[in-house]
Amino acid sequence: MAEPASGNGASRLSKRRRRSRRANPDGTMTLIEHIYEFRRRLGIAMLAVVIGGIIGFIWFGTKIGPIPSLGDLVKDPYCAIPPERRLDSAAGCRLLQTVPFEAFMTQLKVGIAAGAVLLSPAWLYQIWAFIAPGLYSKERKYALTFVGFASVLFAGGAVLAYILFPHALQLLMGFGQDAFVTALTADKYISFLLSLLIIFGISFELPLLVVMLNRVGVVKYVQLKKWRRGIVFALFVFAAFATPGSDPFSMLGLAGALTVLFEIAVQLARIHDRKKDRERHDEGWDQLADDEAAPFDYTPSTVDDEPSTPTASGGRSSTDDVT
């Protein structure tokens, strides 16, 4: 006869069953179960980042078929500087190490950054799996759309930064004529490159933010049209302060891209507001007086397929020990 499971093992098994979709279809949990679930999701997300960091660390010095090594991808913008402008060793174009373990820490930093990007679906899914049970189906649809476009825009900004980076380096290192030679340390060079990628990536989320604010009714197309010149000027000022090194090439590239994306967001807001105006006109809402109630359906919505929770009296429970 099989021995009964230990107390700790049975407790973990019961908790895992309660978290499953079959045993708990509406995702309701107590406060302590939310904390346990958050700890579990965070642990899996951190494990994905660590695994990605190991992959990136190995990839730094390894060429995978036609894919160049991560070290070559990082070093190529520096090696694009004319040979007479940079300090080369006998072995060719290399970055400079000035303190012990600088090369190791640089490889580790780049590997973790690349690994976090490569395995981003894994840790992003853990964040989504923790938040999704508390959302309605419509809210989940908008959230997925937001995350999808945000990922694409961030990647687009990072790619643009990588394309502009060699030109920015050549422009910055071109000053001083023949009085200077460029010998960049690995740590400062990598920090400059990563900061530029992150700044461009985050900045490219601006049009998505404008579109989402317009969708929820916070900002209208009329307001965006009125503020367009001031916002474009603010974008150029932001680009001047945000670009590391304040080089004009990166500043103009970032400001120009943000201006184009902002104009696209404005036109999307224009289309959305026109559609809403037509709907209000068709329903007759624009003819209502200010003190007259709109003909909305005020019936509260419920969670999709919410199961009934019978009480001792046979009715449905109105409260539950959930968060």
C-alpha atoms as a PDB file:
ATOM      1  CA  MET A   1       0.000   0.000   0.000  1.00  0.00           C
ATOM      2  CA  ALA A   2       1.394   3.372  -1.015  1.00  0.00           C
ATOM      3  CA  GLU A   3       2.402   5.701   1.766  1.00  0.00           C
ATOM      4  CA  PRO A   4       0.517   9.000   2.045  1.00  0.00           C
ATOM      5  CA  ALA A   5       2.268  12.069   0.720  1.00  0.00           C
ATOM      6  CA  SER A   6       4.142  14.194   3.213  1.00  0.00           C
ATOM      7  CA  GLY A   7       2.538  17.331   4.607  1.00  0.00           C
ATOM      8  CA  ASN A   8       4.653  19.749   2.600  1.00  0.00           C
ATOM      9  CA  GLY A   9       4.293  17.771  -0.626  1.00  0.00           C
ATOM     10  CA  ALA A  10       0.512  17.476  -0.249  1.00  0.00           C
ATOM     11  CA  SER A  11       0.263  21.190   0.518  1.00  0.00           C
ATOM     12  CA  ARG A  12       2.223  22.154  -2.604  1.00  0.00           C
ATOM     13  CA  LEU A  13       0.150  19.764  -4.700  1.00  0.00           C
ATOM     14  CA  SER A  14      -3.123  21.200  -3.413  1.00  0.00           C
ATOM     15  CA  LYS A  15      -1.938  24.757  -4.090  1.00  0.00           C
ATOM     16  CA  ARG A  16      -0.921  23.793  -7.619  1.00  0.00           C
ATOM     17  CA  ARG A  17      -4.330  22.255  -8.223  1.00  0.00           C
ATOM     18  CA  ARG A  18      -6.122  25.348  -6.935  1.00  0.00           C
ATOM     19  CA  ARG A  19      -4.114  27.507  -9.346  1.00  0.00           C
ATOM     20  CA  SER A  20      -5.006  25.350 -12.347  1.00  0.00           C
ATOM     21  CA  ARG A  21      -7.623  26.636 -14.780  1.00  0.00           C
ATOM     22  CA  ARG A  22      -9.740  23.471 -14.460  1.00  0.00           C
ATOM     23  CA  ALA A  23     -10.040  23.714 -10.664  1.00  0.00           C
ATOM     24  CA  ASN A  24     -10.268  27.508 -10.611  1.00  0.00           C
ATOM     25  CA  PRO A  25     -11.738  28.733 -13.947  1.00  0.00           C
ATOM     26  CA  ASP A  26     -12.224  32.377 -12.899  1.00  0.00           C
ATOM     27  CA  GLY A  27      -8.723  32.727 -11.393  1.00  0.00           C
ATOM     28  CA  THR A  28      -9.919  33.870  -7.947  1.00  0.00           C
ATOM     29  CA  MET A  29      -7.312  33.646  -5.159  1.00  0.00           C
ATOM     30  CA  THR A  30      -6.907  34.847  -1.616  1.00  0.00           C
ATOM     31  CA  LEU A  31      -4.328  37.482  -0.739  1.00  0.00           C
ATOM     32  CA  ILE A  32      -1.747  34.954   0.414  1.00  0.00           C
ATOM     33  CA  GLU A  33      -2.284  32.921  -2.753  1.00  0.00           C
ATOM     34  CA  HIS A  34      -1.669  36.083  -4.816  1.00  0.00           C
ATOM     35  CA  ILE A  35       1.628  36.560  -2.984  1.00  0.00           C
ATOM     36  CA  TYR A  36       2.643  32.942  -3.607  1.00  0.00           C
ATOM     37  CA  GLU A  37       1.632  33.254  -7.257  1.00  0.00           C
ATOM     38  CA  PHE A  38       3.631  36.471  -7.649  1.00  0.00           C
ATOM     39  CA  ARG A  39       6.683  34.839  -6.082  1.00  0.00           C
ATOM     40  CA  ARG A  40       6.380  31.845  -8.391  1.00  0.00           C
ATOM     41  CA  ARG A  41       5.953  33.958 -11.544  1.00  0.00           C
ATOM     42  CA  LEU A  42       8.821  36.256 -10.533  1.00  0.00           C
ATOM     43  CA  GLY A  43      11.084  33.274  -9.914  1.00  0.00           C
ATOM     44  CA  ILE A  44      10.346  31.789 -13.336  1.00  0.00           C
ATOM     45  CA  ALA A  45      10.882  35.184 -15.000  1.00  0.00           C
ATOM     46  CA  MET A  46      14.232  35.659 -13.253  1.00  0.00           C
ATOM     47  CA  LEU A  47      15.236  32.119 -14.247  1.00  0.00           C
ATOM     48  CA  ALA A  48      14.447  32.950 -17.885  1.00  0.00           C
ATOM     49  CA  VAL A  49      16.631  36.078 -17.669  1.00  0.00           C
ATOM     50  CA  VAL A  50      19.491  34.066 -16.141  1.00  0.00           C
ATOM     51  CA  ILE A  51      19.249  31.392 -18.838  1.00  0.00           C
ATOM     52  CA  GLY A  52      19.160  34.116 -21.497  1.00  0.00           C
ATOM     53  CA  GLY A  53      22.215  35.727 -19.908  1.00  0.00           C
ATOM     54  CA  ILE A  54      24.130  32.436 -20.119  1.00  0.00           C
ATOM     55  CA  ILE A  55      23.174  32.081 -23.782  1.00  0.00           C
ATOM     56  CA  GLY A  56      24.213  35.679 -24.484  1.00  0.00           C
ATOM     57  CA  PHE A  57      27.500  35.224 -22.590  1.00  0.00           C
ATOM     58  CA  ILE A  58      28.375  32.209 -24.751  1.00  0.00           C
ATOM     59  CA  TRP A  59      27.167  33.933 -27.931  1.00  0.00           C
ATOM     60  CA  PHE A  60      29.475  36.904 -27.229  1.00  0.00           C
ATOM     61  CA  GLY A  61      32.495  34.965 -28.462  1.00  0.00           C
ATOM     62  CA  THR A  62      30.817  32.333 -30.640  1.00  0.00           C
ATOM     63  CA  LYS A  63      29.694  32.640 -34.243  1.00  0.00           C
ATOM     64  CA  ILE A  64      26.526  30.678 -34.991  1.00  0.00           C
ATOM     65  CA  GLY A  65      26.537  29.767 -38.680  1.00  0.00           C
ATOM     66  CA  PRO A  66      25.896  32.917 -40.743  1.00  0.00           C
ATOM     67  CA  ILE A  67      25.027  34.856 -37.571  1.00  0.00           C
ATOM     68  CA  PRO A  68      28.050  36.839 -36.353  1.00  0.00           C
ATOM     69  CA  SER A  69      29.081  36.686 -32.729  1.00  0.00           C
ATOM     70  CA  LEU A  70      27.595  39.187 -30.306  1.00  0.00           C
ATOM     71  CA  GLY A  71      31.056  40.612 -29.697  1.00  0.00           C
ATOM     72  CA  ASP A  72      31.450  41.363 -33.407  1.00  0.00           C
ATOM     73  CA  LEU A  73      28.022  43.010 -33.557  1.00  0.00           C
ATOM     74  CA  VAL A  74      28.941  45.246 -30.641  1.00  0.00           C
ATOM     75  CA  LYS A  75      32.439  46.005 -31.918  1.00  0.00           C
ATOM     76  CA  ASP A  76      31.524  46.688 -35.576  1.00  0.00           C
ATOM     77  CA  PRO A  77      30.376  50.330 -35.066  1.00  0.00           C
ATOM     78  CA  TYR A  78      33.709  51.136 -33.411  1.00  0.00           C
ATOM     79  CA  CYS A  79      35.670  49.356 -36.133  1.00  0.00           C
ATOM     80  CA  ALA A  80      33.764  51.382 -38.754  1.00  0.00           C
ATOM     81  CA  ILE A  81      35.743  54.449 -37.657  1.00  0.00           C
ATOM     82  CA  PRO A  82      38.552  55.163 -40.162  1.00  0.00           C
ATOM     83  CA  PRO A  83      41.786  53.385 -39.096  1.00  0.00           C
ATOM     84  CA  GLU A  84      43.668  56.666 -38.790  1.00  0.00           C
ATOM     85  CA  ARG A  85      41.128  57.850 -36.182  1.00  0.00           C
ATOM     86  CA  ARG A  86      41.264  54.847 -33.824  1.00  0.00           C
ATOM     87  CA  LEU A  87      43.940  53.020 -31.871  1.00  0.00           C
ATOM     88  CA  ASP A  88      44.532  49.571 -33.363  1.00  0.00           C
ATOM     89  CA  SER A  89      46.595  46.718 -32.009  1.00  0.00           C
ATOM     90  CA  ALA A  90      48.755  44.366 -33.998  1.00  0.00           C
ATOM     91  CA  ALA A  91      45.813  41.940 -34.151  1.00  0.00           C
ATOM     92  CA  GLY A  92      43.472  44.548 -35.647  1.00  0.00           C
ATOM     93  CA  CYS A  93      40.489  46.455 -34.318  1.00  0.00           C
ATOM     94  CA  ARG A  94      39.901  45.786 -30.610  1.00  0.00           C
ATOM     95  CA  LEU A  95      38.401  47.555 -27.638  1.00  0.00           C
ATOM     96  CA  LEU A  96      40.629  48.701 -24.782  1.00  0.00           C
ATOM     97  CA  GLN A  97      40.668  47.072 -21.327  1.00  0.00           C
ATOM     98  CA  THR A  98      42.151  49.281 -18.609  1.00  0.00           C
ATOM     99  CA  VAL A  99      41.271  47.399 -15.393  1.00  0.00           C
ATOM    100  CA  PRO A 100      41.183  43.693 -14.510  1.00  0.00           C
ATOM    101  CA  PHE A 101      37.926  41.860 -15.228  1.00  0.00           C
ATOM    102  CA  GLU A 102      36.666  44.729 -17.413  1.00  0.00           C
ATOM    103  CA  ALA A 103      36.377  42.389 -20.388  1.00  0.00           C
ATOM    104  CA  PHE A 104      34.539  39.793 -18.274  1.00  0.00           C
ATOM    105  CA  MET A 105      32.068  42.338 -16.850  1.00  0.00           C
ATOM    106  CA  THR A 106      31.492  43.816 -20.297  1.00  0.00           C
ATOM    107  CA  GLN A 107      30.795  40.399 -21.779  1.00  0.00           C
ATOM    108  CA  LEU A 108      28.455  39.620 -18.858  1.00  0.00           C
ATOM    109  CA  LYS A 109      26.590  42.924 -19.228  1.00  0.00           C
ATOM    110  CA  VAL A 110      26.090  42.515 -22.971  1.00  0.00           C
ATOM    111  CA  GLY A 111      25.173  38.842 -22.575  1.00  0.00           C
ATOM    112  CA  ILE A 112      22.453  39.565 -19.998  1.00  0.00           C
ATOM    113  CA  ALA A 113      21.015  42.370 -22.135  1.00  0.00           C
ATOM    114  CA  ALA A 114      20.941  40.210 -25.258  1.00  0.00           C
ATOM    115  CA  GLY A 115      19.595  37.201 -23.375  1.00  0.00           C
ATOM    116  CA  ALA A 116      16.794  39.244 -21.821  1.00  0.00           C
ATOM    117  CA  VAL A 117      15.749  40.313 -25.316  1.00  0.00           C
ATOM    118  CA  LEU A 118      16.007  36.804 -26.786  1.00  0.00           C
ATOM    119  CA  LEU A 119      13.931  35.207 -24.022  1.00  0.00           C
ATOM    120  CA  SER A 120      11.603  38.170 -23.553  1.00  0.00           C
ATOM    121  CA  PRO A 121       8.558  36.061 -24.581  1.00  0.00           C
ATOM    122  CA  ALA A 122       9.231  33.787 -21.586  1.00  0.00           C
ATOM    123  CA  TRP A 123       9.395  36.439 -18.847  1.00  0.00           C
ATOM    124  CA  LEU A 124       6.776  38.652 -20.507  1.00  0.00           C
ATOM    125  CA  TYR A 125       4.410  35.679 -20.482  1.00  0.00           C
ATOM    126  CA  GLN A 126       4.932  35.292 -16.726  1.00  0.00           C
ATOM    127  CA  ILE A 127       3.930  38.929 -16.211  1.00  0.00           C
ATOM    128  CA  TRP A 128       0.936  38.443 -18.468  1.00  0.00           C
ATOM    129  CA  ALA A 129      -0.108  35.202 -16.735  1.00  0.00           C
ATOM    130  CA  PHE A 130      -0.110  36.971 -13.371  1.00  0.00           C
ATOM    131  CA  ILE A 131      -2.209  39.938 -14.572  1.00  0.00           C
ATOM    132  CA  ALA A 132      -4.589  38.289 -17.071  1.00  0.00           C
ATOM    133  CA  PRO A 133      -6.910  36.462 -14.604  1.00  0.00           C
ATOM    134  CA  GLY A 134      -8.025  39.826 -13.195  1.00  0.00           C
ATOM    135  CA  LEU A 135      -9.013  41.248 -16.587  1.00  0.00           C
ATOM    136  CA  TYR A 136     -12.182  40.963 -18.642  1.00  0.00           C
ATOM    137  CA  SER A 137     -11.963  39.520 -22.137  1.00  0.00           C
ATOM    138  CA  LYS A 138     -12.117  42.984 -23.744  1.00  0.00           C
ATOM    139  CA  GLU A 139      -9.398  44.286 -21.443  1.00  0.00           C
ATOM    140  CA  ARG A 140      -7.216  41.268 -22.232  1.00  0.00           C
ATOM    141  CA  LYS A 141      -7.606  41.972 -25.951  1.00  0.00           C
ATOM    142  CA  TYR A 142      -6.479  45.590 -25.558  1.00  0.00           C
ATOM    143  CA  ALA A 143      -3.621  44.576 -23.263  1.00  0.00           C
ATOM    144  CA  LEU A 144      -2.321  42.012 -25.755  1.00  0.00           C
ATOM    145  CA  THR A 145      -2.527  44.581 -28.562  1.00  0.00           C
ATOM    146  CA  PHE A 146      -0.671  47.120 -26.440  1.00  0.00           C
ATOM    147  CA  VAL A 147       2.100  44.677 -25.507  1.00  0.00           C
ATOM    148  CA  GLY A 148       2.471  43.490 -29.103  1.00  0.00           C
ATOM    149  CA  PHE A 149       2.819  46.976 -30.593  1.00  0.00           C
ATOM    150  CA  ALA A 150       5.028  48.102 -27.712  1.00  0.00           C
ATOM    151  CA  SER A 151       7.462  45.245 -28.405  1.00  0.00           C
ATOM    152  CA  VAL A 152       7.588  46.026 -32.127  1.00  0.00           C
ATOM    153  CA  LEU A 153       8.128  49.753 -31.531  1.00  0.00           C
ATOM    154  CA  PHE A 154      10.856  49.142 -28.949  1.00  0.00           C
ATOM    155  CA  ALA A 155      12.671  46.805 -31.340  1.00  0.00           C
ATOM    156  CA  GLY A 156      12.303  49.357 -34.155  1.00  0.00           C
ATOM    157  CA  GLY A 157      13.819  52.089 -31.994  1.00  0.00           C
ATOM    158  CA  ALA A 158      16.738  49.874 -30.992  1.00  0.00           C
ATOM    159  CA  VAL A 159      17.428  48.931 -34.627  1.00  0.00           C
ATOM    160  CA  LEU A 160      17.398  52.596 -35.677  1.00  0.00           C
ATOM    161  CA  ALA A 161      19.823  53.429 -32.874  1.00  0.00           C
ATOM    162  CA  TYR A 162      22.186  50.666 -33.998  1.00  0.00           C
ATOM    163  CA  ILE A 163      22.053  51.933 -37.591  1.00  0.00           C
ATOM    164  CA  LEU A 164      22.770  55.529 -36.549  1.00  0.00           C
ATOM    165  CA  PHE A 165      25.443  54.636 -34.003  1.00  0.00           C
ATOM    166  CA  PRO A 166      28.405  54.206 -36.422  1.00  0.00           C
ATOM    167  CA  HIS A 167      27.642  57.523 -38.136  1.00  0.00           C
ATOM    168  CA  ALA A 168      27.359  59.256 -34.768  1.00  0.00           C
ATOM    169  CA  LEU A 169      30.722  57.808 -33.684  1.00  0.00           C
ATOM    170  CA  GLN A 170      32.435  58.896 -36.886  1.00  0.00           C
ATOM    171  CA  LEU A 171      31.010  62.398 -36.500  1.00  0.00           C
ATOM    172  CA  LEU A 172      32.057  62.709 -32.861  1.00  0.00           C
ATOM    173  CA  MET A 173      35.514  61.253 -33.437  1.00  0.00           C
ATOM    174  CA  GLY A 174      36.086  63.470 -36.482  1.00  0.00           C
ATOM    175  CA  PHE A 175      36.673  66.592 -34.402  1.00  0.00           C
ATOM    176  CA  GLY A 176      40.199  67.654 -33.598  1.00  0.00           C
ATOM    177  CA  GLN A 177      41.594  66.720 -37.006  1.00  0.00           C
ATOM    178  CA  ASP A 178      44.899  64.840 -36.509  1.00  0.00           C
ATOM    179  CA  ALA A 179      45.457  65.961 -32.922  1.00  0.00           C
ATOM    180  CA  PHE A 180      43.521  63.042 -31.377  1.00  0.00           C
ATOM    181  CA  VAL A 181      43.282  59.284 -31.727  1.00  0.00           C
ATOM    182  CA  THR A 182      40.297  57.299 -30.420  1.00  0.00           C
ATOM    183  CA  ALA A 183      40.971  54.528 -27.871  1.00  0.00           C
ATOM    184  CA  LEU A 184      37.604  53.696 -26.305  1.00  0.00           C
ATOM    185  CA  THR A 185      37.501  51.550 -23.196  1.00  0.00           C
ATOM    186  CA  ALA A 186      35.134  48.598 -23.434  1.00  0.00           C
ATOM    187  CA  ASP A 187      33.031  49.602 -20.414  1.00  0.00           C
ATOM    188  CA  LYS A 188      32.340  53.185 -21.526  1.00  0.00           C
ATOM    189  CA  TYR A 189      31.777  52.167 -25.138  1.00  0.00           C
ATOM    190  CA  ILE A 190      29.279  49.419 -24.244  1.00  0.00           C
ATOM    191  CA  SER A 191      27.488  51.686 -21.756  1.00  0.00           C
ATOM    192  CA  PHE A 192      27.167  54.374 -24.426  1.00  0.00           C
ATOM    193  CA  LEU A 193      25.796  51.883 -26.970  1.00  0.00           C
ATOM    194  CA  LEU A 194      23.308  50.222 -24.589  1.00  0.00           C
ATOM    195  CA  SER A 195      22.028  53.551 -23.279  1.00  0.00           C
ATOM    196  CA  LEU A 196      21.442  54.721 -26.847  1.00  0.00           C
ATOM    197  CA  LEU A 197      19.525  51.523 -27.691  1.00  0.00           C
ATOM    198  CA  ILE A 198      17.358  51.790 -24.570  1.00  0.00           C
ATOM    199  CA  ILE A 199      16.628  55.497 -25.042  1.00  0.00           C
ATOM    200  CA  PHE A 200      15.584  55.018 -28.671  1.00  0.00           C
ATOM    201  CA  GLY A 201      13.497  51.970 -27.792  1.00  0.00           C
ATOM    202  CA  ILE A 202      11.594  53.671 -24.956  1.00  0.00           C
ATOM    203  CA  SER A 203      11.137  56.874 -26.946  1.00  0.00           C
ATOM    204  CA  PHE A 204       9.435  54.941 -29.737  1.00  0.00           C
ATOM    205  CA  GLU A 205       6.602  54.100 -27.315  1.00  0.00           C
ATOM    206  CA  LEU A 206       5.358  57.726 -27.557  1.00  0.00           C
ATOM    207  CA  PRO A 207       2.912  57.208 -30.472  1.00  0.00           C
ATOM    208  CA  LEU A 208       1.438  54.143 -28.760  1.00  0.00           C
ATOM    209  CA  LEU A 209       0.872  56.188 -25.605  1.00  0.00           C
ATOM    210  CA  VAL A 210      -0.870  58.930 -27.606  1.00  0.00           C
ATOM    211  CA  VAL A 211      -3.110  56.391 -29.367  1.00  0.00           C
ATOM    212  CA  MET A 212      -4.077  54.679 -26.100  1.00  0.00           C
ATOM    213  CA  LEU A 213      -4.905  58.017 -24.430  1.00  0.00           C
ATOM    214  CA  ASN A 214      -7.058  58.890 -27.405  1.00  0.00           C
ATOM    215  CA  ARG A 215      -8.843  55.520 -27.261  1.00  0.00           C
ATOM    216  CA  VAL A 216      -9.850  56.009 -23.642  1.00  0.00           C
ATOM    217  CA  GLY A 217     -10.989  59.584 -24.283  1.00  0.00           C
ATOM    218  CA  VAL A 218      -8.272  61.465 -22.384  1.00  0.00           C
ATOM    219  CA  VAL A 219      -6.884  63.265 -25.464  1.00  0.00           C
ATOM    220  CA  LYS A 220      -8.862  64.299 -28.543  1.00  0.00           C
ATOM    221  CA  TYR A 221      -7.639  64.924 -32.082  1.00  0.00           C
ATOM    222  CA  VAL A 222      -8.641  68.590 -31.808  1.00  0.00           C
ATOM    223  CA  GLN A 223      -6.315  69.005 -28.831  1.00  0.00           C
ATOM    224  CA  LEU A 224      -3.456  67.173 -30.548  1.00  0.00           C
ATOM    225  CA  LYS A 225      -3.861  69.345 -33.633  1.00  0.00           C
ATOM    226  CA  LYS A 226      -3.784  72.469 -31.482  1.00  0.00           C
ATOM    227  CA  TRP A 227      -0.685  71.324 -29.564  1.00  0.00           C
ATOM    228  CA  ARG A 228       1.162  69.862 -32.580  1.00  0.00           C
ATOM    229  CA  ARG A 229       3.814  72.592 -32.959  1.00  0.00           C
ATOM    230  CA  GLY A 230       4.576  72.717 -29.256  1.00  0.00           C
ATOM    231  CA  ILE A 231       4.840  68.933 -29.024  1.00  0.00           C
ATOM    232  CA  VAL A 232       7.174  68.719 -32.033  1.00  0.00           C
ATOM    233  CA  PHE A 233       9.391  71.398 -30.461  1.00  0.00           C
ATOM    234  CA  ALA A 234       9.331  69.455 -27.181  1.00  0.00           C
ATOM    235  CA  LEU A 235      10.375  66.293 -29.047  1.00  0.00           C
ATOM    236  CA  PHE A 236      13.480  68.032 -30.419  1.00  0.00           C
ATOM    237  CA  VAL A 237      14.331  69.349 -26.948  1.00  0.00           C
ATOM    238  CA  PHE A 238      13.819  65.885 -25.468  1.00  0.00           C
ATOM    239  CA  ALA A 239      16.058  64.334 -28.145  1.00  0.00           C
ATOM    240  CA  ALA A 240      18.803  66.876 -27.411  1.00  0.00           C
ATOM    241  CA  PHE A 241      18.841  65.957 -23.712  1.00  0.00           C
ATOM    242  CA  ALA A 242      18.138  62.228 -24.098  1.00  0.00           C
ATOM    243  CA  THR A 243      20.854  61.246 -26.576  1.00  0.00           C
ATOM    244  CA  PRO A 244      24.072  60.362 -24.740  1.00  0.00           C
ATOM    245  CA  GLY A 245      27.003  62.510 -25.738  1.00  0.00           C
ATOM    246  CA  SER A 246      24.555  65.068 -27.201  1.00  0.00           C
ATOM    247  CA  ASP A 247      25.794  64.366 -30.708  1.00  0.00           C
ATOM    248  CA  PRO A 248      23.688  66.155 -33.346  1.00  0.00           C
ATOM    249  CA  PHE A 249      23.416  63.096 -35.609  1.00  0.00           C
ATOM    250  CA  SER A 250      21.662  60.923 -33.010  1.00  0.00           C
ATOM    251  CA  MET A 251      19.599  63.893 -31.824  1.00  0.00           C
ATOM    252  CA  LEU A 252      18.262  64.657 -35.300  1.00  0.00           C
ATOM    253  CA  GLY A 253      17.646  60.966 -36.026  1.00  0.00           C
ATOM    254  CA  LEU A 254      15.682  60.469 -32.799  1.00  0.00           C
ATOM    255  CA  ALA A 255      13.749  63.732 -33.115  1.00  0.00           C
ATOM    256  CA  GLY A 256      12.880  63.082 -36.771  1.00  0.00           C
ATOM    257  CA  ALA A 257      11.675  59.536 -36.075  1.00  0.00           C
ATOM    258  CA  LEU A 258       9.593  60.671 -33.085  1.00  0.00           C
ATOM    259  CA  THR A 259       8.029  63.452 -35.147  1.00  0.00           C
ATOM    260  CA  VAL A 260       6.983  61.010 -37.880  1.00  0.00           C
ATOM    261  CA  LEU A 261       5.594  58.532 -35.348  1.00  0.00           C
ATOM    262  CA  PHE A 262       3.747  61.298 -33.508  1.00  0.00           C
ATOM    263  CA  GLU A 263       2.147  62.472 -36.753  1.00  0.00           C
ATOM    264  CA  ILE A 264       1.023  58.892 -37.461  1.00  0.00           C
ATOM    265  CA  ALA A 265      -0.519  58.756 -33.978  1.00  0.00           C
ATOM    266  CA  VAL A 266      -2.304  62.076 -34.604  1.00  0.00           C
ATOM    267  CA  GLN A 267      -3.821  60.765 -37.827  1.00  0.00           C
ATOM    268  CA  LEU A 268      -4.950  57.574 -36.071  1.00  0.00           C
ATOM    269  CA  ALA A 269      -6.593  59.740 -33.421  1.00  0.00           C
ATOM    270  CA  ARG A 270      -8.293  61.731 -36.182  1.00  0.00           C
ATOM    271  CA  ILE A 271      -9.740  58.559 -37.735  1.00  0.00           C
ATOM    272  CA  HIS A 272     -10.895  57.272 -34.340  1.00  0.00           C
ATOM    273  CA  ASP A 273     -12.589  60.552 -33.358  1.00  0.00           C
ATOM    274  CA  ARG A 274     -14.381  60.779 -36.700  1.00  0.00           C
ATOM    275  CA  LYS A 275     -15.715  57.258 -36.195  1.00  0.00           C
ATOM    276  CA  LYS A 276     -16.936  58.118 -32.700  1.00  0.00           C
ATOM    277  CA  ASP A 277     -18.584  61.312 -33.957  1.00  0.00           C
ATOM    278  CA  ARG A 278     -20.486  59.332 -36.598  1.00  0.00           C
ATOM    279  CA  GLU A 279     -21.634  56.828 -33.969  1.00  0.00           C
ATOM    280  CA  ARG A 280     -22.881  59.613 -31.682  1.00  0.00           C
ATOM    281  CA  HIS A 281     -24.711  61.231 -34.580  1.00  0.00           C
ATOM    282  CA  ASP A 282     -26.349  57.957 -35.614  1.00  0.00           C
ATOM    283  CA  GLU A 283     -27.467  57.246 -32.047  1.00  0.00           C
ATOM    284  CA  GLY A 284     -28.652  60.811 -31.528  1.00  0.00           C
ATOM    285  CA  TRP A 285     -26.358  61.410 -28.548  1.00  0.00           C
ATOM    286  CA  ASP A 286     -25.153  64.765 -29.899  1.00  0.00           C
ATOM    287  CA  GLN A 287     -28.745  66.086 -29.706  1.00  0.00           C
ATOM    288  CA  LEU A 288     -29.078  65.438 -25.962  1.00  0.00           C
ATOM    289  CA  ALA A 289     -29.221  68.339 -23.518  1.00  0.00           C
ATOM    290  CA  ASP A 290     -26.481  68.726 -20.927  1.00  0.00           C
ATOM    291  CA  ASP A 291     -28.814  67.667 -18.088  1.00  0.00           C
ATOM    292  CA  GLU A 292     -30.252  64.686 -20.002  1.00  0.00           C
ATOM    293  CA  ALA A 293     -28.969  61.170 -19.381  1.00  0.00           C
ATOM    294  CA  ALA A 294     -27.400  59.343 -22.318  1.00  0.00           C
ATOM    295  CA  PRO A 295     -29.145  56.107 -23.397  1.00  0.00           C
ATOM    296  CA  PHE A 296     -26.380  53.817 -22.124  1.00  0.00           C
ATOM    297  CA  ASP A 297     -26.839  50.336 -20.756  1.00  0.00           C
ATOM    298  CA  TYR A 298     -26.057  50.742 -17.066  1.00  0.00           C
ATOM    299  CA  THR A 299     -26.203  47.024 -16.258  1.00  0.00           C
ATOM    300  CA  PRO A 300     -22.885  46.059 -14.575  1.00  0.00           C
ATOM    301  CA  SER A 301     -20.775  43.579 -16.509  1.00  0.00           C
ATOM    302  CA  THR A 302     -19.595  40.300 -15.018  1.00  0.00           C
ATOM    303  CA  VAL A 303     -16.575  38.098 -15.435  1.00  0.00           C
ATOM    304  CA  ASP A 304     -16.826  35.888 -18.502  1.00  0.00           C
ATOM    305  CA  ASP A 305     -18.256  32.473 -17.618  1.00  0.00           C
ATOM    306  CA  GLU A 306     -18.188  33.277 -13.920  1.00  0.00           C
ATOM    307  CA  PRO A 307     -19.144  30.149 -11.980  1.00  0.00           C
ATOM    308  CA  SER A 308     -21.850  30.368  -9.360  1.00  0.00           C
ATOM    309  CA  THR A 309     -20.764  29.992  -5.764  1.00  0.00           C
ATOM    310  CA  PRO A 310     -23.620  28.445  -3.803  1.00  0.00           C
ATOM    311  CA  THR A 311     -24.118  29.467  -0.183  1.00  0.00           C
ATOM    312  CA  ALA A 312     -25.651  27.654   2.738  1.00  0.00           C
ATOM    313  CA  SER A 313     -29.054  29.117   1.880  1.00  0.00           C
ATOM    314  CA  GLY A 314     -28.831  27.854  -1.679  1.00  0.00           C
ATOM    315  CA  GLY A 315     -28.311  31.301  -3.222  1.00  0.00           C
ATOM    316  CA  ARG A 316     -25.248  32.824  -4.832  1.00  0.00           C
ATOM    317  CA  SER A 317     -22.558  34.353  -2.706  1.00  0.00           C
ATOM    318  CA  SER A 318     -22.173  38.101  -3.161  1.00  0.00           C
ATOM    319  CA  THR A 319     -18.758  38.310  -1.517  1.00  0.00           C
ATOM    320  CA  ASP A 320     -15.651  36.168  -1.534  1.00  0.00           C
ATOM    321  CA  ASP A 321     -12.286  36.188   0.180  1.00  0.00           C
ATOM    322  CA  VAL A 322     -10.418  37.215  -2.933  1.00  0.00           C
ATOM    323  CA  THR A 323      -8.430  40.198  -4.045  1.00  0.00           C
END
